[in-house]
């Protein structure tokens, strides 16, 4: 084969950046698409179940292809399904039923700071000054977003639910750290983990959400989006096929072409996309101070992510994913020995 037929590193990187951007755009659209369904009468848990169960069905062929994961990594798959899928998404959709989409997603971006807290105070491992700076920036920016000087400008329960989504991400990061310790063999394929995580999450949510009690007239009818009547099934299709399946797959492929750090930076656009879409489609306006605070949160999350001890001290930041995600993403990174390790972050939305 001639040299001209081989793809250049630059073209692979460009494709990776494009896929990472597509993933961030897709994940960012889940909240603005889900909120009209919730406003129309669907319970947040039922919207979550529809999203997870639908995506699990679409990814069944991938689950079958990686069926060996059930034997080798049952705890990792169950943890991903319970925390990164069911926990994160249920808390996120419940949060956006009470507070603006952008605020809920920005609260979730405290996850990198919480991971560093776990590393420092639970694992008792030192963290550097950059890590502390990232935490301070994230917390300070969040104080501007929630308008803490006015006694919290949003529903406290909604803020706690968004914080619960961030804590679910941290719980999965801890589980992923223990499940992929050095010497444990080849890391599981991220797409396989995602497929089985969605299956486990669908099973858990079926028990919790009891979809047989759902008001099926809502998904069969029409809802209001940007002042117009649209079929609810269109929004559901978007949430399942674009904001979940396509978002996960493009996120995983992008990280295989980029470093996790670069992909993590692009993933921060998820919060920007969600905030802008909520502003345009749902009329959820944020003040200039809140927009500034949101930018500071993202900068702090990025700094905290880069400062997280590697490779076995903690997993990467939220939203990447699946970063992470969240509603994050599958992320494979190279360790010192060159072995691929799993660090599948939960999607932030």
Protein backbone atom coordinates (compact mmCIF):
# COMPACT_ATOMS: atom_id res chain seq x y z
CA UNK A 1 0.00 0.00 0.00
CA UNK A 2 1.37 3.45 -0.80
CA UNK A 3 2.13 6.00 1.88
CA UNK A 4 -0.53 8.31 0.47
CA UNK A 5 -3.21 5.73 1.29
CA UNK A 6 -2.42 5.76 5.01
CA UNK A 7 -4.35 8.30 7.08
CA UNK A 8 -2.20 11.02 8.61
CA UNK A 9 -2.15 11.63 12.39
CA UNK A 10 -3.56 15.08 11.72
CA UNK A 11 -6.60 13.72 9.91
CA UNK A 12 -7.25 11.24 12.73
CA UNK A 13 -7.06 14.04 15.28
CA UNK A 14 -9.42 16.22 13.25
CA UNK A 15 -11.90 13.36 13.03
CA UNK A 16 -11.55 12.78 16.76
CA UNK A 17 -12.24 16.43 17.55
CA UNK A 18 -15.28 16.37 15.26
CA UNK A 19 -16.64 13.25 16.96
CA UNK A 20 -15.99 14.71 20.42
CA UNK A 21 -17.88 17.85 19.42
CA UNK A 22 -20.78 15.78 18.07
CA UNK A 23 -20.86 13.82 21.33
CA UNK A 24 -20.96 17.00 23.42
CA UNK A 25 -23.73 18.46 21.25
CA UNK A 26 -25.74 15.24 21.48
CA UNK A 27 -25.41 14.89 25.23
CA UNK A 28 -26.22 18.56 25.73
CA UNK A 29 -29.57 18.16 24.00
CA UNK A 30 -31.00 15.60 26.42
CA UNK A 31 -32.21 18.00 29.09
CA UNK A 32 -33.93 20.51 26.78
CA UNK A 33 -35.67 17.60 25.01
CA UNK A 34 -36.73 15.87 28.23
CA UNK A 35 -38.11 18.89 30.10
CA UNK A 36 -41.16 19.41 27.82
CA UNK A 37 -42.10 15.76 28.40
CA UNK A 38 -41.84 16.26 32.17
CA UNK A 39 -43.82 19.51 31.98
CA UNK A 40 -46.52 17.68 29.98
CA UNK A 41 -47.04 15.20 32.82
CA UNK A 42 -44.47 12.41 32.55
CA UNK A 43 -42.66 11.61 35.78
CA UNK A 44 -38.88 12.24 35.61
CA UNK A 45 -38.28 8.57 36.46
CA UNK A 46 -40.48 7.50 33.57
CA UNK A 47 -38.57 9.72 31.13
CA UNK A 48 -35.35 8.24 32.48
CA UNK A 49 -36.69 4.70 32.02
CA UNK A 50 -37.75 5.41 28.44
CA UNK A 51 -34.31 6.81 27.65
CA UNK A 52 -32.32 4.01 29.24
CA UNK A 53 -34.53 1.12 28.14
CA UNK A 54 -34.71 2.42 24.57
CA UNK A 55 -30.94 2.87 24.34
CA UNK A 56 -30.37 -0.58 25.89
CA UNK A 57 -32.50 -2.17 23.16
CA UNK A 58 -30.60 -0.36 20.42
CA UNK A 59 -27.23 -1.46 21.87
CA UNK A 60 -28.24 -5.10 22.42
CA UNK A 61 -26.02 -6.29 19.51
CA UNK A 62 -23.00 -4.67 21.18
CA UNK A 63 -23.92 -6.30 24.50
CA UNK A 64 -24.10 -9.70 22.79
CA UNK A 65 -20.74 -9.16 21.13
CA UNK A 66 -19.15 -8.43 24.54
CA UNK A 67 -21.11 -11.01 26.53
CA UNK A 68 -17.88 -12.23 28.14
CA UNK A 69 -17.87 -9.05 30.24
CA UNK A 70 -20.68 -10.49 32.39
CA UNK A 71 -18.32 -13.19 33.61
CA UNK A 72 -15.16 -11.08 33.95
CA UNK A 73 -16.48 -7.76 35.31
CA UNK A 74 -19.94 -8.24 36.89
CA UNK A 75 -19.39 -5.68 39.67
CA UNK A 76 -18.15 -3.03 37.24
CA UNK A 77 -21.15 -3.50 34.94
CA UNK A 78 -23.62 -3.47 37.82
CA UNK A 79 -22.00 -0.36 39.29
CA UNK A 80 -22.07 1.43 35.98
CA UNK A 81 -25.72 0.57 35.50
CA UNK A 82 -26.73 1.53 39.04
CA UNK A 83 -24.68 4.71 39.47
CA UNK A 84 -23.54 6.11 36.12
CA UNK A 85 -26.75 5.25 34.25
CA UNK A 86 -29.73 4.93 36.61
CA UNK A 87 -28.44 7.18 39.41
CA UNK A 88 -27.01 10.03 37.36
CA UNK A 89 -29.83 10.25 34.84
CA UNK A 90 -32.67 9.82 37.34
CA UNK A 91 -31.22 12.55 39.57
CA UNK A 92 -30.57 14.82 36.59
CA UNK A 93 -34.06 14.53 35.12
CA UNK A 94 -35.60 14.97 38.57
CA UNK A 95 -33.44 18.05 39.08
CA UNK A 96 -34.44 19.71 35.80
CA UNK A 97 -38.08 19.30 36.75
CA UNK A 98 -37.35 21.85 39.53
CA UNK A 99 -34.43 24.01 38.35
CA UNK A 100 -33.11 25.23 34.97
CA UNK A 101 -31.31 22.70 32.79
CA UNK A 102 -28.07 24.66 32.68
CA UNK A 103 -27.92 25.05 36.46
CA UNK A 104 -28.48 21.33 37.04
CA UNK A 105 -25.74 20.41 34.60
CA UNK A 106 -23.27 22.89 36.08
CA UNK A 107 -23.87 21.50 39.56
CA UNK A 108 -22.92 18.09 38.18
CA UNK A 109 -19.59 19.54 37.12
CA UNK A 110 -18.59 19.52 40.78
CA UNK A 111 -17.84 15.81 40.28
CA UNK A 112 -14.12 16.34 39.49
CA UNK A 113 -13.73 18.36 42.68
CA UNK A 114 -15.55 15.67 44.66
CA UNK A 115 -13.27 13.01 43.15
CA UNK A 116 -10.26 14.98 44.37
CA UNK A 117 -11.84 15.21 47.82
CA UNK A 118 -12.19 11.42 47.86
CA UNK A 119 -8.55 11.03 46.80
CA UNK A 120 -7.32 13.44 49.48
CA UNK A 121 -9.48 12.57 52.49
CA UNK A 122 -10.47 8.93 51.90
CA UNK A 123 -7.49 7.55 50.04
CA UNK A 124 -5.24 9.98 51.93
CA UNK A 125 -3.18 10.72 48.85
CA UNK A 126 -1.68 14.18 48.38
CA UNK A 127 -3.11 16.48 45.73
CA UNK A 128 -1.26 19.44 44.25
CA UNK A 129 -1.91 23.14 44.30
CA UNK A 130 -3.51 22.98 40.85
CA UNK A 131 -6.07 20.53 42.24
CA UNK A 132 -6.93 22.91 45.06
CA UNK A 133 -7.21 25.79 42.60
CA UNK A 134 -9.60 23.76 40.46
CA UNK A 135 -11.80 22.96 43.45
CA UNK A 136 -11.88 26.59 44.57
CA UNK A 137 -12.78 27.76 41.07
CA UNK A 138 -15.54 25.17 40.69
CA UNK A 139 -17.11 25.94 44.07
CA UNK A 140 -16.79 29.69 43.61
CA UNK A 141 -18.33 29.55 40.16
CA UNK A 142 -21.17 27.41 41.45
CA UNK A 143 -21.88 29.99 44.17
CA UNK A 144 -22.45 32.52 41.38
CA UNK A 145 -24.64 30.11 39.40
CA UNK A 146 -26.99 29.37 42.32
CA UNK A 147 -26.87 32.99 43.58
CA UNK A 148 -25.89 31.96 47.09
CA UNK A 149 -25.82 35.57 48.26
CA UNK A 150 -29.59 35.76 47.84
CA UNK A 151 -30.30 32.61 49.86
CA UNK A 152 -30.07 30.29 46.84
CA UNK A 153 -31.94 31.54 43.80
CA UNK A 154 -33.33 28.09 42.96
CA UNK A 155 -35.29 25.24 44.52
CA UNK A 156 -33.01 23.65 47.17
CA UNK A 157 -34.43 20.18 46.46
CA UNK A 158 -33.57 20.55 42.78
CA UNK A 159 -30.03 21.60 43.67
CA UNK A 160 -29.67 18.60 45.99
CA UNK A 161 -30.87 16.28 43.22
CA UNK A 162 -28.27 17.74 40.84
CA UNK A 163 -25.63 17.27 43.53
CA UNK A 164 -26.86 13.69 43.90
CA UNK A 165 -26.13 13.16 40.20
CA UNK A 166 -22.58 14.41 40.75
CA UNK A 167 -22.18 12.07 43.73
CA UNK A 168 -23.38 9.12 41.63
CA UNK A 169 -20.66 9.92 39.12
CA UNK A 170 -18.06 9.98 41.89
CA UNK A 171 -19.33 6.63 43.18
CA UNK A 172 -18.85 5.11 39.76
CA UNK A 173 -15.37 6.63 39.42
CA UNK A 174 -14.41 4.94 42.69
CA UNK A 175 -15.81 1.61 41.52
CA UNK A 176 -14.06 1.95 38.16
CA UNK A 177 -10.77 2.66 39.94
CA UNK A 178 -11.03 -0.54 41.98
CA UNK A 179 -12.30 -2.57 39.04
CA UNK A 180 -9.38 -1.73 36.76
CA UNK A 181 -6.39 -1.80 39.05
CA UNK A 182 -3.00 -2.44 37.45
CA UNK A 183 -2.24 -6.11 36.93
CA UNK A 184 -5.88 -7.01 36.48
CA UNK A 185 -5.50 -7.84 32.80
CA UNK A 186 -6.85 -6.11 29.74
CA UNK A 187 -9.39 -3.40 30.47
CA UNK A 188 -12.98 -4.05 29.36
CA UNK A 189 -14.10 -2.43 26.13
CA UNK A 190 -15.88 0.87 26.96
CA UNK A 191 -18.69 0.27 24.46
CA UNK A 192 -19.37 -3.12 26.04
CA UNK A 193 -19.49 -1.55 29.49
CA UNK A 194 -21.89 1.11 28.22
CA UNK A 195 -24.17 -1.47 26.60
CA UNK A 196 -24.36 -3.64 29.72
CA UNK A 197 -24.57 -0.58 31.96
CA UNK A 198 -27.67 0.50 30.08
CA UNK A 199 -29.13 -3.01 30.44
CA UNK A 200 -28.45 -3.09 34.18
CA UNK A 201 -29.76 0.46 34.50
CA UNK A 202 -32.95 -0.44 32.63
CA UNK A 203 -33.55 -3.37 34.98
CA UNK A 204 -33.04 -1.21 38.07
CA UNK A 205 -35.24 1.57 36.72
CA UNK A 206 -37.98 -0.88 35.77
CA UNK A 207 -38.26 -1.88 39.42
CA UNK A 208 -38.03 1.69 40.72
CA UNK A 209 -40.01 3.61 38.07
CA UNK A 210 -42.73 0.95 37.51
CA UNK A 211 -43.37 2.03 33.90
CA UNK A 212 -46.67 0.11 33.78
CA UNK A 213 -48.07 3.01 35.82
CA UNK A 214 -46.90 5.58 33.26
CA UNK A 215 -49.38 7.92 31.62
CA UNK A 216 -48.88 6.58 28.09
CA UNK A 217 -51.11 9.29 26.68
CA UNK A 218 -48.23 11.79 27.09
CA UNK A 219 -45.65 10.03 24.86
CA UNK A 220 -48.45 9.28 22.39
CA UNK A 221 -49.53 12.92 22.25
CA UNK A 222 -47.97 16.32 21.61
CA UNK A 223 -45.92 18.61 23.86
CA UNK A 224 -44.90 22.26 23.77
CA UNK A 225 -41.36 23.12 22.69
CA UNK A 226 -40.31 26.70 21.91
CA UNK A 227 -43.96 27.70 21.77
CA UNK A 228 -44.87 25.06 19.17
CA UNK A 229 -46.72 21.75 19.44
CA UNK A 230 -44.45 18.83 18.54
CA UNK A 231 -45.06 15.05 18.74
CA UNK A 232 -43.73 13.72 22.02
CA UNK A 233 -42.38 10.66 20.24
CA UNK A 234 -40.00 12.89 18.25
CA UNK A 235 -38.42 14.17 21.47
CA UNK A 236 -38.22 10.63 22.84
CA UNK A 237 -36.51 9.45 19.66
CA UNK A 238 -34.02 12.30 19.97
CA UNK A 239 -33.30 11.44 23.62
CA UNK A 240 -32.77 7.74 22.89
CA UNK A 241 -31.07 7.72 19.49
CA UNK A 242 -29.13 11.00 19.52
CA UNK A 243 -28.66 12.10 23.15
CA UNK A 244 -27.82 8.58 24.36
CA UNK A 245 -26.79 6.06 21.69
CA UNK A 246 -25.06 8.42 19.24
CA UNK A 247 -23.60 10.49 22.08
CA UNK A 248 -22.02 7.47 23.78
CA UNK A 249 -20.68 5.90 20.58
CA UNK A 250 -19.15 9.10 19.19
CA UNK A 251 -17.71 9.88 22.62
CA UNK A 252 -15.95 6.52 22.87
CA UNK A 253 -14.59 6.69 19.31
CA UNK A 254 -13.37 10.27 19.81
CA UNK A 255 -11.35 9.33 22.91
CA UNK A 256 -9.67 6.53 20.95
CA UNK A 257 -8.45 9.18 18.49
CA UNK A 258 -7.65 11.86 21.08
CA UNK A 259 -6.18 11.94 24.55
CA UNK A 260 -8.75 11.81 27.39
CA UNK A 261 -7.64 15.31 28.43
CA UNK A 262 -8.41 16.84 25.03
CA UNK A 263 -11.71 15.01 24.77
CA UNK A 264 -12.55 16.18 28.30
CA UNK A 265 -12.09 19.80 27.29
CA UNK A 266 -14.44 19.37 24.33
CA UNK A 267 -16.92 17.55 26.58
CA UNK A 268 -17.25 20.71 28.68
CA UNK A 269 -19.15 22.15 25.72
CA UNK A 270 -22.03 19.91 26.79
CA UNK A 271 -22.92 22.34 29.57
CA UNK A 272 -22.69 25.27 27.16
CA UNK A 273 -24.90 23.52 24.60
CA UNK A 274 -27.48 22.54 27.22
CA UNK A 275 -27.62 26.07 28.64
CA UNK A 276 -27.98 27.71 25.21
CA UNK A 277 -30.65 25.24 24.06
CA UNK A 278 -32.58 25.67 27.31
CA UNK A 279 -32.35 29.45 26.85
CA UNK A 280 -33.63 29.31 23.25
CA UNK A 281 -36.14 26.44 23.45
CA UNK A 282 -37.36 26.64 27.05
CA UNK A 283 -36.93 30.32 27.87
CA UNK A 284 -34.64 29.53 30.83
CA UNK A 285 -32.58 32.71 30.94
CA UNK A 286 -29.50 33.04 33.13
CA UNK A 287 -28.11 36.36 34.33
CA UNK A 288 -24.69 37.65 33.30
CA UNK A 289 -23.32 36.74 36.74
CA UNK A 290 -24.66 33.18 36.39
CA UNK A 291 -23.15 32.80 32.92
CA UNK A 292 -19.82 34.02 34.29
CA UNK A 293 -20.13 31.58 37.20
CA UNK A 294 -20.87 28.74 34.81
CA UNK A 295 -17.71 29.51 32.84
CA UNK A 296 -15.72 29.48 36.10
CA UNK A 297 -17.25 26.10 37.05
CA UNK A 298 -16.13 24.61 33.73
CA UNK A 299 -12.63 26.04 34.09
CA UNK A 300 -12.42 24.65 37.62
CA UNK A 301 -13.68 21.25 36.48
CA UNK A 302 -11.06 21.18 33.74
CA UNK A 303 -8.25 22.14 36.12
CA UNK A 304 -9.41 19.56 38.66
CA UNK A 305 -9.59 16.89 35.96
CA UNK A 306 -6.03 17.53 34.81
CA UNK A 307 -4.79 17.56 38.41
CA UNK A 308 -6.43 14.25 39.38
CA UNK A 309 -3.71 11.74 40.37
CA UNK A 310 -3.22 9.02 37.78
CA UNK A 311 -3.61 6.30 36.84
CA UNK A 312 -5.16 4.37 39.73
CA UNK A 313 -5.94 7.18 42.12
CA UNK A 314 -9.19 8.27 40.51
CA UNK A 315 -11.18 8.35 37.33
CA UNK A 316 -11.52 11.39 35.08
CA UNK A 317 -13.95 14.18 35.32
CA UNK A 318 -17.67 14.15 34.80
CA UNK A 319 -19.28 14.26 31.52
CA UNK A 320 -16.62 12.53 29.80
CA UNK A 321 -19.71 11.80 30.06
CA UNK A 322 -19.50 10.46 30.19
CA UNK A 323 -18.36 12.38 30.51
CA UNK A 324 -20.10 12.31 31.08
CA UNK A 325 -21.56 12.11 30.12
CA UNK A 326 -23.11 12.66 32.07
CA UNK A 327 -26.04 12.18 31.29
CA UNK A 328 -20.31 11.12 30.37
CA UNK A 329 -18.72 8.76 28.24
CA UNK A 330 -16.48 5.78 27.71
CA UNK A 331 -12.86 6.82 27.99
CA UNK A 332 -9.87 4.62 27.36
CA UNK A 333 -6.48 6.02 28.35
CA UNK A 334 -3.01 4.64 28.30
CA UNK A 335 -1.23 3.96 31.59
CA UNK A 336 2.51 3.84 32.18
CA UNK A 337 2.74 0.31 30.89
CA UNK A 338 0.93 1.08 27.66
CA UNK A 339 -2.01 -1.13 28.60
CA UNK A 340 -5.42 0.32 27.79
CA UNK A 341 -7.41 1.00 30.94
CA UNK A 342 -11.09 1.72 31.30
CA UNK A 343 -12.19 5.04 32.67
CA UNK A 344 -15.79 5.20 31.53
CA UNK A 345 -17.22 8.42 32.85
CA UNK A 346 -20.93 8.88 33.28
CA UNK A 347 -22.68 11.37 31.05
CA UNK A 348 -23.65 14.49 32.76
CA UNK A 349 -26.99 14.48 31.08
